[in-house]
Amino acid sequence: QVQLVESGGGLVDTGGSLRLSCKASSSILHTTSMGWYRRAPGKEREMVAKTLIGGRRNYYADSVQGRFTISKDNANNTLYLQMTSLKPEDTAVYYCAGLWYGRDYWGQGTQVTVSS
């Protein structure tokens, strides 16, 4: 069983920045991929950013390309999402997820609210 714990969410003004963290209870070196997802009120969950651990490639949603950066700290089993130039439409619950040995694991989510 893998546990993922997100932190770093909060309330920020338009144009501001936040950094989300996701601490994993198991080595992230053993994942196939890890990523950040979000669900805004009344909308479907969407992929925000994803990293393939083995291939060292990152993917971003078009809506966040150039503003968000996904990164990881293998030694501390932590995934990050640096968010800059935040917009009100970025308001959502952000979830961390990872694929370990063919199984998806999800965190509990952290709220990000961007005021206009």
C-alpha atoms as a PDB file:
ATOM      1  CA  GLN A   1       0.000   0.000   0.000  1.00  0.00           C
ATOM      2  CA  VAL A   2       1.342   3.393  -1.000  1.00  0.00           C
ATOM      3  CA  GLN A   3       0.219   6.601   0.635  1.00  0.00           C
ATOM      4  CA  LEU A   4       0.468   9.982  -1.014  1.00  0.00           C
ATOM      5  CA  VAL A   5       0.096  13.166   0.988  1.00  0.00           C
ATOM      6  CA  GLU A   6      -0.265  16.509  -0.770  1.00  0.00           C
ATOM      7  CA  SER A   7       0.447  19.888   0.758  1.00  0.00           C
ATOM      8  CA  GLY A   8       1.016  23.456  -0.304  1.00  0.00           C
ATOM      9  CA  GLY A   9      -2.424  24.464  -1.471  1.00  0.00           C
ATOM     10  CA  GLY A  10      -4.075  27.675  -0.388  1.00  0.00           C
ATOM     11  CA  LEU A  11      -5.546  30.986  -1.423  1.00  0.00           C
ATOM     12  CA  VAL A  12      -3.538  33.190  -3.780  1.00  0.00           C
ATOM     13  CA  ASP A  13      -4.208  36.262  -5.892  1.00  0.00           C
ATOM     14  CA  THR A  14      -4.276  36.184  -9.676  1.00  0.00           C
ATOM     15  CA  GLY A  15      -0.711  36.205 -10.943  1.00  0.00           C
ATOM     16  CA  GLY A  16       0.627  34.616  -7.787  1.00  0.00           C
ATOM     17  CA  SER A  17       2.555  31.406  -7.265  1.00  0.00           C
ATOM     18  CA  LEU A  18       2.244  28.249  -5.217  1.00  0.00           C
ATOM     19  CA  ARG A  19       4.272  25.081  -4.909  1.00  0.00           C
ATOM     20  CA  LEU A  20       2.476  21.838  -4.254  1.00  0.00           C
ATOM     21  CA  SER A  21       4.259  18.871  -2.704  1.00  0.00           C
ATOM     22  CA  CYS A  22       3.345  15.205  -2.712  1.00  0.00           C
ATOM     23  CA  LYS A  23       5.159  12.970  -0.272  1.00  0.00           C
ATOM     24  CA  ALA A  24       5.057   9.256  -1.081  1.00  0.00           C
ATOM     25  CA  SER A  25       5.391   6.477   1.489  1.00  0.00           C
ATOM     26  CA  SER A  26       7.237   4.327  -1.050  1.00  0.00           C
ATOM     27  CA  SER A  27      10.181   5.000  -3.303  1.00  0.00           C
ATOM     28  CA  ILE A  28       9.182   6.994  -6.347  1.00  0.00           C
ATOM     29  CA  LEU A  29      11.971   5.288  -8.223  1.00  0.00           C
ATOM     30  CA  HIS A  30       9.652   2.278  -8.351  1.00  0.00           C
ATOM     31  CA  THR A  31       6.880   4.147 -10.134  1.00  0.00           C
ATOM     32  CA  THR A  32       6.160   4.035 -13.820  1.00  0.00           C
ATOM     33  CA  SER A  33       4.753   7.527 -13.788  1.00  0.00           C
ATOM     34  CA  MET A  34       3.572  10.234 -11.418  1.00  0.00           C
ATOM     35  CA  GLY A  35       1.461  13.246 -12.022  1.00  0.00           C
ATOM     36  CA  TRP A  36      -0.775  16.022 -10.844  1.00  0.00           C
ATOM     37  CA  TYR A  37      -4.449  16.189 -11.638  1.00  0.00           C
ATOM     38  CA  ARG A  38      -7.154  18.626 -10.724  1.00  0.00           C
ATOM     39  CA  ARG A  39     -10.901  18.802 -10.449  1.00  0.00           C
ATOM     40  CA  ALA A  40     -12.639  22.144 -10.609  1.00  0.00           C
ATOM     41  CA  PRO A  41     -16.212  22.570  -9.358  1.00  0.00           C
ATOM     42  CA  GLY A  42     -18.650  21.101 -11.866  1.00  0.00           C
ATOM     43  CA  LYS A  43     -15.913  19.801 -14.134  1.00  0.00           C
ATOM     44  CA  GLU A  44     -14.248  16.511 -14.891  1.00  0.00           C
ATOM     45  CA  ARG A  45     -10.892  15.652 -13.410  1.00  0.00           C
ATOM     46  CA  GLU A  46      -8.062  16.558 -15.779  1.00  0.00           C
ATOM     47  CA  MET A  47      -4.372  15.844 -16.034  1.00  0.00           C
ATOM     48  CA  VAL A  48      -2.283  18.895 -15.238  1.00  0.00           C
ATOM     49  CA  ALA A  49       1.261  17.561 -15.439  1.00  0.00           C
ATOM     50  CA  LYS A  50       2.820  14.144 -15.654  1.00  0.00           C
ATOM     51  CA  THR A  51       6.299  12.742 -15.503  1.00  0.00           C
ATOM     52  CA  LEU A  52       7.475   9.377 -16.753  1.00  0.00           C
ATOM     53  CA  ILE A  53      10.042   8.262 -14.234  1.00  0.00           C
ATOM     54  CA  GLY A  54      11.998   5.981 -16.514  1.00  0.00           C
ATOM     55  CA  GLY A  55      11.859   8.116 -19.641  1.00  0.00           C
ATOM     56  CA  ARG A  56      12.499  11.412 -17.903  1.00  0.00           C
ATOM     57  CA  ARG A  57       9.847  13.171 -19.950  1.00  0.00           C
ATOM     58  CA  ASN A  58       7.276  15.617 -18.675  1.00  0.00           C
ATOM     59  CA  TYR A  59       3.867  16.360 -20.104  1.00  0.00           C
ATOM     60  CA  TYR A  60       1.609  19.317 -19.435  1.00  0.00           C
ATOM     61  CA  ALA A  61      -1.936  20.297 -20.178  1.00  0.00           C
ATOM     62  CA  ASP A  62      -2.105  23.054 -22.762  1.00  0.00           C
ATOM     63  CA  SER A  63      -3.773  25.302 -20.220  1.00  0.00           C
ATOM     64  CA  VAL A  64      -0.760  25.240 -17.885  1.00  0.00           C
ATOM     65  CA  GLN A  65       2.116  24.871 -20.352  1.00  0.00           C
ATOM     66  CA  GLY A  66       4.756  27.478 -19.601  1.00  0.00           C
ATOM     67  CA  ARG A  67       3.279  28.320 -16.197  1.00  0.00           C
ATOM     68  CA  PHE A  68       3.533  25.065 -14.233  1.00  0.00           C
ATOM     69  CA  THR A  69       6.567  22.872 -13.717  1.00  0.00           C
ATOM     70  CA  ILE A  70       6.576  19.313 -12.413  1.00  0.00           C
ATOM     71  CA  SER A  71       9.668  18.034 -10.669  1.00  0.00           C
ATOM     72  CA  LYS A  72      10.690  15.322  -8.237  1.00  0.00           C
ATOM     73  CA  ASP A  73      13.104  14.677  -5.429  1.00  0.00           C
ATOM     74  CA  ASN A  74      13.957  10.994  -5.586  1.00  0.00           C
ATOM     75  CA  ALA A  75      15.888  11.027  -2.323  1.00  0.00           C
ATOM     76  CA  ASN A  76      12.871  12.342  -0.416  1.00  0.00           C
ATOM     77  CA  ASN A  77      10.206  10.517  -2.441  1.00  0.00           C
ATOM     78  CA  THR A  78       8.504  13.799  -3.182  1.00  0.00           C
ATOM     79  CA  LEU A  79       6.809  15.135  -6.277  1.00  0.00           C
ATOM     80  CA  TYR A  80       6.365  18.867  -6.764  1.00  0.00           C
ATOM     81  CA  LEU A  81       4.252  21.166  -8.868  1.00  0.00           C
ATOM     82  CA  GLN A  82       5.482  24.721  -9.141  1.00  0.00           C
ATOM     83  CA  MET A  83       2.629  26.942 -10.268  1.00  0.00           C
ATOM     84  CA  THR A  84       3.198  30.490 -11.448  1.00  0.00           C
ATOM     85  CA  SER A  85       1.069  33.172 -13.086  1.00  0.00           C
ATOM     86  CA  LEU A  86      -1.978  31.611 -11.500  1.00  0.00           C
ATOM     87  CA  LYS A  87      -5.392  32.373 -12.916  1.00  0.00           C
ATOM     88  CA  PRO A  88      -8.870  32.068 -11.404  1.00  0.00           C
ATOM     89  CA  GLU A  89      -9.529  29.143 -13.750  1.00  0.00           C
ATOM     90  CA  ASP A  90      -6.735  27.243 -11.983  1.00  0.00           C
ATOM     91  CA  THR A  91      -8.973  27.030  -8.921  1.00  0.00           C
ATOM     92  CA  ALA A  92      -9.504  23.355  -8.158  1.00  0.00           C
ATOM     93  CA  VAL A  93      -8.645  20.491  -5.873  1.00  0.00           C
ATOM     94  CA  TYR A  94      -5.259  19.200  -6.944  1.00  0.00           C
ATOM     95  CA  TYR A  95      -4.422  15.527  -6.612  1.00  0.00           C
ATOM     96  CA  CYS A  96      -1.167  13.680  -6.798  1.00  0.00           C
ATOM     97  CA  ALA A  97      -1.153  10.214  -8.343  1.00  0.00           C
ATOM     98  CA  GLY A  98       1.376   7.545  -9.067  1.00  0.00           C
ATOM     99  CA  LEU A  99       1.546   4.151 -10.725  1.00  0.00           C
ATOM    100  CA  TRP A 100       3.356   1.523  -8.693  1.00  0.00           C
ATOM    101  CA  TYR A 101       3.544  -2.042 -10.016  1.00  0.00           C
ATOM    102  CA  GLY A 102       0.501  -1.599 -12.235  1.00  0.00           C
ATOM    103  CA  ARG A 103      -1.721  -0.005  -9.609  1.00  0.00           C
ATOM    104  CA  ASP A 104      -2.803   3.617  -9.333  1.00  0.00           C
ATOM    105  CA  TYR A 105      -2.530   5.427  -6.030  1.00  0.00           C
ATOM    106  CA  TRP A 106      -4.044   8.820  -5.258  1.00  0.00           C
ATOM    107  CA  GLY A 107      -3.614  11.421  -2.585  1.00  0.00           C
ATOM    108  CA  GLN A 108      -6.432  13.085  -0.734  1.00  0.00           C
ATOM    109  CA  GLY A 109      -6.105  16.356  -2.622  1.00  0.00           C
ATOM    110  CA  THR A 110      -5.232  19.914  -1.727  1.00  0.00           C
ATOM    111  CA  GLN A 111      -7.367  22.946  -2.493  1.00  0.00           C
ATOM    112  CA  VAL A 112      -5.981  25.743  -4.629  1.00  0.00           C
ATOM    113  CA  THR A 113      -8.063  28.894  -4.870  1.00  0.00           C
ATOM    114  CA  VAL A 114      -7.049  31.807  -7.067  1.00  0.00           C
ATOM    115  CA  SER A 115      -8.906  35.031  -6.386  1.00  0.00           C
ATOM    116  CA  SER A 116      -9.668  37.438  -9.191  1.00  0.00           C
END
